C-alpha atoms as a PDB file:
ATOM      1  CA  UNK A   1      68.033-122.275  43.828  1.00  0.00           C
ATOM      2  CA  UNK A   2      68.990-125.916  43.288  1.00  0.00           C
ATOM      3  CA  UNK A   3      72.456-127.154  42.442  1.00  0.00           C
ATOM      4  CA  UNK A   4      73.252-130.250  40.462  1.00  0.00           C
ATOM      5  CA  UNK A   5      76.698-131.836  40.562  1.00  0.00           C
ATOM      6  CA  UNK A   6      78.264-134.071  37.945  1.00  0.00           C
ATOM      7  CA  UNK A   7      81.713-135.516  37.596  1.00  0.00           C
ATOM      8  CA  UNK A   8      82.883-136.015  34.040  1.00  0.00           C
ATOM      9  CA  UNK A   9      86.217-136.852  32.557  1.00  0.00           C
ATOM     10  CA  UNK A  10      88.013-134.350  30.330  1.00  0.00           C
ATOM     11  CA  UNK A  11      91.224-135.599  28.734  1.00  0.00           C
ATOM     12  CA  UNK A  12      91.326-138.341  31.343  1.00  0.00           C
ATOM     13  CA  UNK A  13      91.040-135.910  34.265  1.00  0.00           C
ATOM     14  CA  UNK A  14      87.906-135.943  36.428  1.00  0.00           C
ATOM     15  CA  UNK A  15      86.203-132.540  36.390  1.00  0.00           C
ATOM     16  CA  UNK A  16      83.460-131.440  38.756  1.00  0.00           C
ATOM     17  CA  UNK A  17      80.677-129.593  36.989  1.00  0.00           C
ATOM     18  CA  UNK A  18      78.294-127.589  39.114  1.00  0.00           C
ATOM     19  CA  UNK A  19      75.109-126.601  37.364  1.00  0.00           C
ATOM     20  CA  UNK A  20      72.922-124.033  39.047  1.00  0.00           C
ATOM     21  CA  UNK A  21      69.269-124.319  38.325  1.00  0.00           C
ATOM     22  CA  UNK A  22      67.047-121.309  38.649  1.00  0.00           C
ATOM     23  CA  UNK A  23      67.838-117.634  38.510  1.00  0.00           C
ATOM     24  CA  UNK A  24      71.392-116.352  38.894  1.00  0.00           C
ATOM     25  CA  UNK A  25      70.042-112.900  39.744  1.00  0.00           C
ATOM     26  CA  UNK A  26      69.907-111.698  43.322  1.00  0.00           C
ATOM     27  CA  UNK A  27      66.395-110.930  44.491  1.00  0.00           C
ATOM     28  CA  UNK A  28      65.347-107.388  43.687  1.00  0.00           C
ATOM     29  CA  UNK A  29      68.097-106.976  41.084  1.00  0.00           C
ATOM     30  CA  UNK A  30      67.146-105.573  37.687  1.00  0.00           C
ATOM     31  CA  UNK A  31      67.267-108.082  34.834  1.00  0.00           C
ATOM     32  CA  UNK A  32      70.497-107.861  32.862  1.00  0.00           C
ATOM     33  CA  UNK A  33      70.311-106.657  29.300  1.00  0.00           C
ATOM     34  CA  UNK A  34      71.347-109.723  27.359  1.00  0.00           C
ATOM     35  CA  UNK A  35      71.028-107.905  24.048  1.00  0.00           C
ATOM     36  CA  UNK A  36      71.947-104.268  24.642  1.00  0.00           C
ATOM     37  CA  UNK A  37      70.924-101.683  22.114  1.00  0.00           C
ATOM     38  CA  UNK A  38      73.937 -99.942  20.584  1.00  0.00           C
ATOM     39  CA  UNK A  39      73.999 -96.849  18.429  1.00  0.00           C
ATOM     40  CA  UNK A  40      75.517 -97.266  14.970  1.00  0.00           C
ATOM     41  CA  UNK A  41      76.841 -94.468  12.787  1.00  0.00           C
ATOM     42  CA  UNK A  42      75.294 -94.397   9.317  1.00  0.00           C
ATOM     43  CA  UNK A  43      77.482 -94.248   6.227  1.00  0.00           C
ATOM     44  CA  UNK A  44      75.928 -90.874   5.421  1.00  0.00           C
ATOM     45  CA  UNK A  45      76.932 -89.427   8.793  1.00  0.00           C
ATOM     46  CA  UNK A  46      80.439 -90.910   8.583  1.00  0.00           C
ATOM     47  CA  UNK A  47      80.832 -89.480   5.077  1.00  0.00           C
ATOM     48  CA  UNK A  48      79.718 -86.026   6.207  1.00  0.00           C
ATOM     49  CA  UNK A  49      82.180 -86.066   9.118  1.00  0.00           C
ATOM     50  CA  UNK A  50      85.026 -87.091   6.787  1.00  0.00           C
ATOM     51  CA  UNK A  51      84.228 -84.519   4.087  1.00  0.00           C
ATOM     52  CA  UNK A  52      83.879 -81.696   6.586  1.00  0.00           C
ATOM     53  CA  UNK A  53      87.209 -82.605   8.188  1.00  0.00           C
ATOM     54  CA  UNK A  54      88.852 -82.616   4.753  1.00  0.00           C
ATOM     55  CA  UNK A  55      87.260 -79.251   3.900  1.00  0.00           C
ATOM     56  CA  UNK A  56      88.480 -77.763   7.206  1.00  0.00           C
ATOM     57  CA  UNK A  57      92.015 -78.801   6.299  1.00  0.00           C
ATOM     58  CA  UNK A  58      91.683 -77.460   2.758  1.00  0.00           C
ATOM     59  CA  UNK A  59      90.669 -74.047   4.156  1.00  0.00           C
ATOM     60  CA  UNK A  60      94.016 -74.019   5.949  1.00  0.00           C
ATOM     61  CA  UNK A  61      95.846 -75.178   2.776  1.00  0.00           C
ATOM     62  CA  UNK A  62      96.533 -78.697   4.091  1.00  0.00           C
ATOM     63  CA  UNK A  63      96.272 -81.763   1.882  1.00  0.00           C
ATOM     64  CA  UNK A  64      95.249 -84.683   4.095  1.00  0.00           C
ATOM     65  CA  UNK A  65      93.738 -88.132   4.321  1.00  0.00           C
ATOM     66  CA  UNK A  66      90.732 -88.742   6.552  1.00  0.00           C
ATOM     67  CA  UNK A  67      89.502 -92.083   7.882  1.00  0.00           C
ATOM     68  CA  UNK A  68      86.224 -92.598   9.736  1.00  0.00           C
ATOM     69  CA  UNK A  69      85.684 -95.961  11.405  1.00  0.00           C
ATOM     70  CA  UNK A  70      82.603 -97.483  12.964  1.00  0.00           C
ATOM     71  CA  UNK A  71      82.505 -98.576  16.600  1.00  0.00           C
ATOM     72  CA  UNK A  72      83.991-101.967  15.680  1.00  0.00           C
ATOM     73  CA  UNK A  73      87.073-100.511  13.999  1.00  0.00           C
ATOM     74  CA  UNK A  74      85.947-101.084  10.412  1.00  0.00           C
ATOM     75  CA  UNK A  75      86.676 -98.278   7.972  1.00  0.00           C
ATOM     76  CA  UNK A  76      83.469 -96.637   6.752  1.00  0.00           C
ATOM     77  CA  UNK A  77      85.000 -93.713   4.853  1.00  0.00           C
ATOM     78  CA  UNK A  78      88.528 -93.117   3.602  1.00  0.00           C
ATOM     79  CA  UNK A  79      89.367 -89.915   1.713  1.00  0.00           C
ATOM     80  CA  UNK A  80      92.707 -88.630   0.410  1.00  0.00           C
ATOM     81  CA  UNK A  81      93.158 -85.201  -1.095  1.00  0.00           C
ATOM     82  CA  UNK A  82      95.038 -85.054  -4.417  1.00  0.00           C
ATOM     83  CA  UNK A  83      98.380 -83.971  -2.999  1.00  0.00           C
ATOM     84  CA  UNK A  84      98.309 -85.768   0.348  1.00  0.00           C
ATOM     85  CA  UNK A  85     101.239 -88.114   0.788  1.00  0.00           C
ATOM     86  CA  UNK A  86     100.744 -91.815   0.142  1.00  0.00           C
ATOM     87  CA  UNK A  87     101.465 -92.634   3.802  1.00  0.00           C
ATOM     88  CA  UNK A  88      98.547 -90.526   5.008  1.00  0.00           C
ATOM     89  CA  UNK A  89      95.946 -93.198   4.203  1.00  0.00           C
ATOM     90  CA  UNK A  90      97.512 -95.755   6.528  1.00  0.00           C
ATOM     91  CA  UNK A  91      98.323 -93.195   9.223  1.00  0.00           C
ATOM     92  CA  UNK A  92      94.785 -91.747   9.280  1.00  0.00           C
ATOM     93  CA  UNK A  93      93.340 -95.244   9.676  1.00  0.00           C
ATOM     94  CA  UNK A  94      95.868 -96.011  12.408  1.00  0.00           C
ATOM     95  CA  UNK A  95      94.931 -92.868  14.318  1.00  0.00           C
ATOM     96  CA  UNK A  96      91.209 -93.684  14.179  1.00  0.00           C
ATOM     97  CA  UNK A  97      91.789 -97.289  15.251  1.00  0.00           C
ATOM     98  CA  UNK A  98      94.117 -96.235  18.080  1.00  0.00           C
ATOM     99  CA  UNK A  99      91.563 -93.742  19.429  1.00  0.00           C
ATOM    100  CA  UNK A 100      88.898 -96.469  19.350  1.00  0.00           C
ATOM    101  CA  UNK A 101      91.102 -99.107  20.951  1.00  0.00           C
ATOM    102  CA  UNK A 102      92.059 -96.914  23.892  1.00  0.00           C
ATOM    103  CA  UNK A 103      88.860 -94.833  24.003  1.00  0.00           C
ATOM    104  CA  UNK A 104      90.943 -91.668  24.031  1.00  0.00           C
ATOM    105  CA  UNK A 105      92.265 -89.018  21.675  1.00  0.00           C
ATOM    106  CA  UNK A 106      95.593 -89.871  20.118  1.00  0.00           C
ATOM    107  CA  UNK A 107      97.044 -86.556  21.304  1.00  0.00           C
ATOM    108  CA  UNK A 108      96.389 -87.656  24.884  1.00  0.00           C
ATOM    109  CA  UNK A 109      97.872 -91.070  24.130  1.00  0.00           C
ATOM    110  CA  UNK A 110     100.948 -89.394  22.614  1.00  0.00           C
ATOM    111  CA  UNK A 111     101.590 -87.698  25.952  1.00  0.00           C
ATOM    112  CA  UNK A 112     100.855 -90.793  28.039  1.00  0.00           C
ATOM    113  CA  UNK A 113     103.138 -93.030  25.960  1.00  0.00           C
ATOM    114  CA  UNK A 114     106.024 -90.563  25.625  1.00  0.00           C
ATOM    115  CA  UNK A 115     109.518 -92.054  25.964  1.00  0.00           C
ATOM    116  CA  UNK A 116     110.327 -92.715  29.590  1.00  0.00           C
ATOM    117  CA  UNK A 117     106.711 -93.261  30.675  1.00  0.00           C
ATOM    118  CA  UNK A 118     105.658 -96.668  32.048  1.00  0.00           C
ATOM    119  CA  UNK A 119     103.573 -97.426  28.947  1.00  0.00           C
ATOM    120  CA  UNK A 120     105.998 -96.107  26.321  1.00  0.00           C
ATOM    121  CA  UNK A 121     106.269 -99.639  24.914  1.00  0.00           C
ATOM    122  CA  UNK A 122     102.782 -99.312  23.416  1.00  0.00           C
ATOM    123  CA  UNK A 123     104.311 -97.124  20.718  1.00  0.00           C
ATOM    124  CA  UNK A 124     105.947-100.204  19.231  1.00  0.00           C
ATOM    125  CA  UNK A 125     102.700-102.163  18.810  1.00  0.00           C
ATOM    126  CA  UNK A 126     102.022-102.647  15.115  1.00  0.00           C
ATOM    127  CA  UNK A 127      99.120-100.576  13.801  1.00  0.00           C
ATOM    128  CA  UNK A 128      98.912 -98.156  16.721  1.00  0.00           C
ATOM    129  CA  UNK A 129      99.595 -94.510  15.941  1.00  0.00           C
ATOM    130  CA  UNK A 130     100.306 -92.460  19.056  1.00  0.00           C
ATOM    131  CA  UNK A 131     100.255 -89.078  17.320  1.00  0.00           C
ATOM    132  CA  UNK A 132      97.568 -86.395  17.542  1.00  0.00           C
ATOM    133  CA  UNK A 133      94.812 -86.445  14.939  1.00  0.00           C
ATOM    134  CA  UNK A 134      92.599 -89.312  16.130  1.00  0.00           C
ATOM    135  CA  UNK A 135      89.357 -88.565  17.986  1.00  0.00           C
ATOM    136  CA  UNK A 136      86.348 -90.546  19.159  1.00  0.00           C
ATOM    137  CA  UNK A 137      82.928 -89.898  17.685  1.00  0.00           C
ATOM    138  CA  UNK A 138      80.346 -90.102  20.470  1.00  0.00           C
ATOM    139  CA  UNK A 139      76.564 -89.885  20.460  1.00  0.00           C
ATOM    140  CA  UNK A 140      74.866 -89.342  23.809  1.00  0.00           C
ATOM    141  CA  UNK A 141      77.769 -90.834  25.737  1.00  0.00           C
ATOM    142  CA  UNK A 142      78.156 -93.879  23.480  1.00  0.00           C
ATOM    143  CA  UNK A 143      81.163 -94.317  21.242  1.00  0.00           C
ATOM    144  CA  UNK A 144      79.888 -94.777  17.690  1.00  0.00           C
ATOM    145  CA  UNK A 145      83.211 -94.526  15.879  1.00  0.00           C
ATOM    146  CA  UNK A 146      86.385 -92.545  15.442  1.00  0.00           C
ATOM    147  CA  UNK A 147      88.089 -90.238  12.974  1.00  0.00           C
ATOM    148  CA  UNK A 148      91.736 -90.005  12.042  1.00  0.00           C
ATOM    149  CA  UNK A 149      93.358 -87.212  10.030  1.00  0.00           C
ATOM    150  CA  UNK A 150      96.900 -87.252   8.659  1.00  0.00           C
ATOM    151  CA  UNK A 151      98.904 -84.867   6.508  1.00  0.00           C
ATOM    152  CA  UNK A 152      98.336 -81.410   7.981  1.00  0.00           C
ATOM    153  CA  UNK A 153     101.305 -79.455   9.281  1.00  0.00           C
ATOM    154  CA  UNK A 154     101.636 -81.259  12.611  1.00  0.00           C
ATOM    155  CA  UNK A 155      99.418 -83.327  14.877  1.00  0.00           C
ATOM    156  CA  UNK A 156      97.617 -80.324  16.399  1.00  0.00           C
ATOM    157  CA  UNK A 157      96.395 -79.323  12.936  1.00  0.00           C
ATOM    158  CA  UNK A 158      95.346 -82.910  12.157  1.00  0.00           C
ATOM    159  CA  UNK A 159      93.316 -82.929  15.369  1.00  0.00           C
ATOM    160  CA  UNK A 160      91.762 -79.518  14.649  1.00  0.00           C
ATOM    161  CA  UNK A 161      90.506 -80.791  11.287  1.00  0.00           C
ATOM    162  CA  UNK A 162      89.172 -83.999  12.877  1.00  0.00           C
ATOM    163  CA  UNK A 163      87.365 -81.936  15.507  1.00  0.00           C
ATOM    164  CA  UNK A 164      85.874 -79.705  12.808  1.00  0.00           C
ATOM    165  CA  UNK A 165      84.457 -82.784  11.093  1.00  0.00           C
ATOM    166  CA  UNK A 166      82.822 -83.995  14.296  1.00  0.00           C
ATOM    167  CA  UNK A 167      81.604 -80.515  15.254  1.00  0.00           C
ATOM    168  CA  UNK A 168      79.891 -80.161  11.870  1.00  0.00           C
ATOM    169  CA  UNK A 169      77.404 -82.889  12.820  1.00  0.00           C
ATOM    170  CA  UNK A 170      77.275 -82.363  16.590  1.00  0.00           C
ATOM    171  CA  UNK A 171      73.573 -81.439  16.484  1.00  0.00           C
ATOM    172  CA  UNK A 172      72.810 -84.861  14.956  1.00  0.00           C
ATOM    173  CA  UNK A 173      75.035 -86.698  17.432  1.00  0.00           C
ATOM    174  CA  UNK A 174      73.046 -85.185  20.323  1.00  0.00           C
ATOM    175  CA  UNK A 175      69.660 -86.413  19.055  1.00  0.00           C
ATOM    176  CA  UNK A 176      67.996 -89.320  20.880  1.00  0.00           C
END
């Protein structure tokens, strides 16, 4: 490997630039994947997860909102039952985004950020919702999105409906 040195001036300050020529890989090391292949959740799959979560809540007489986001935190599906409160749209999206951001269920995050814990301050970050009802959607170990449910009688019920939505398509999430 050859090195080339240059001194240039940046804002009047000399800066040493070291350019390495040749491979940066150690011998015998596998080539890095510069463009990794990532799984993406289709709109159809996201819609099915959302509808099945909403139906699971309806069976238990809960009127809820359901948000399903893709791996990048963009909302793919947003549903609100007729009698779900107006706040449930924002809360369901917040739960899905929080689960994605921390790569964890929001019920777990609720426990870990409880008052008096070292990371309790995270509860005050705008947009984060540290209340049960947000779950990751994973396909073969890769996070492909998240679901958030809001409006059932308590966070455990929100999470149960979210889980039902994911479970309804589990066979498709396991496919290669």
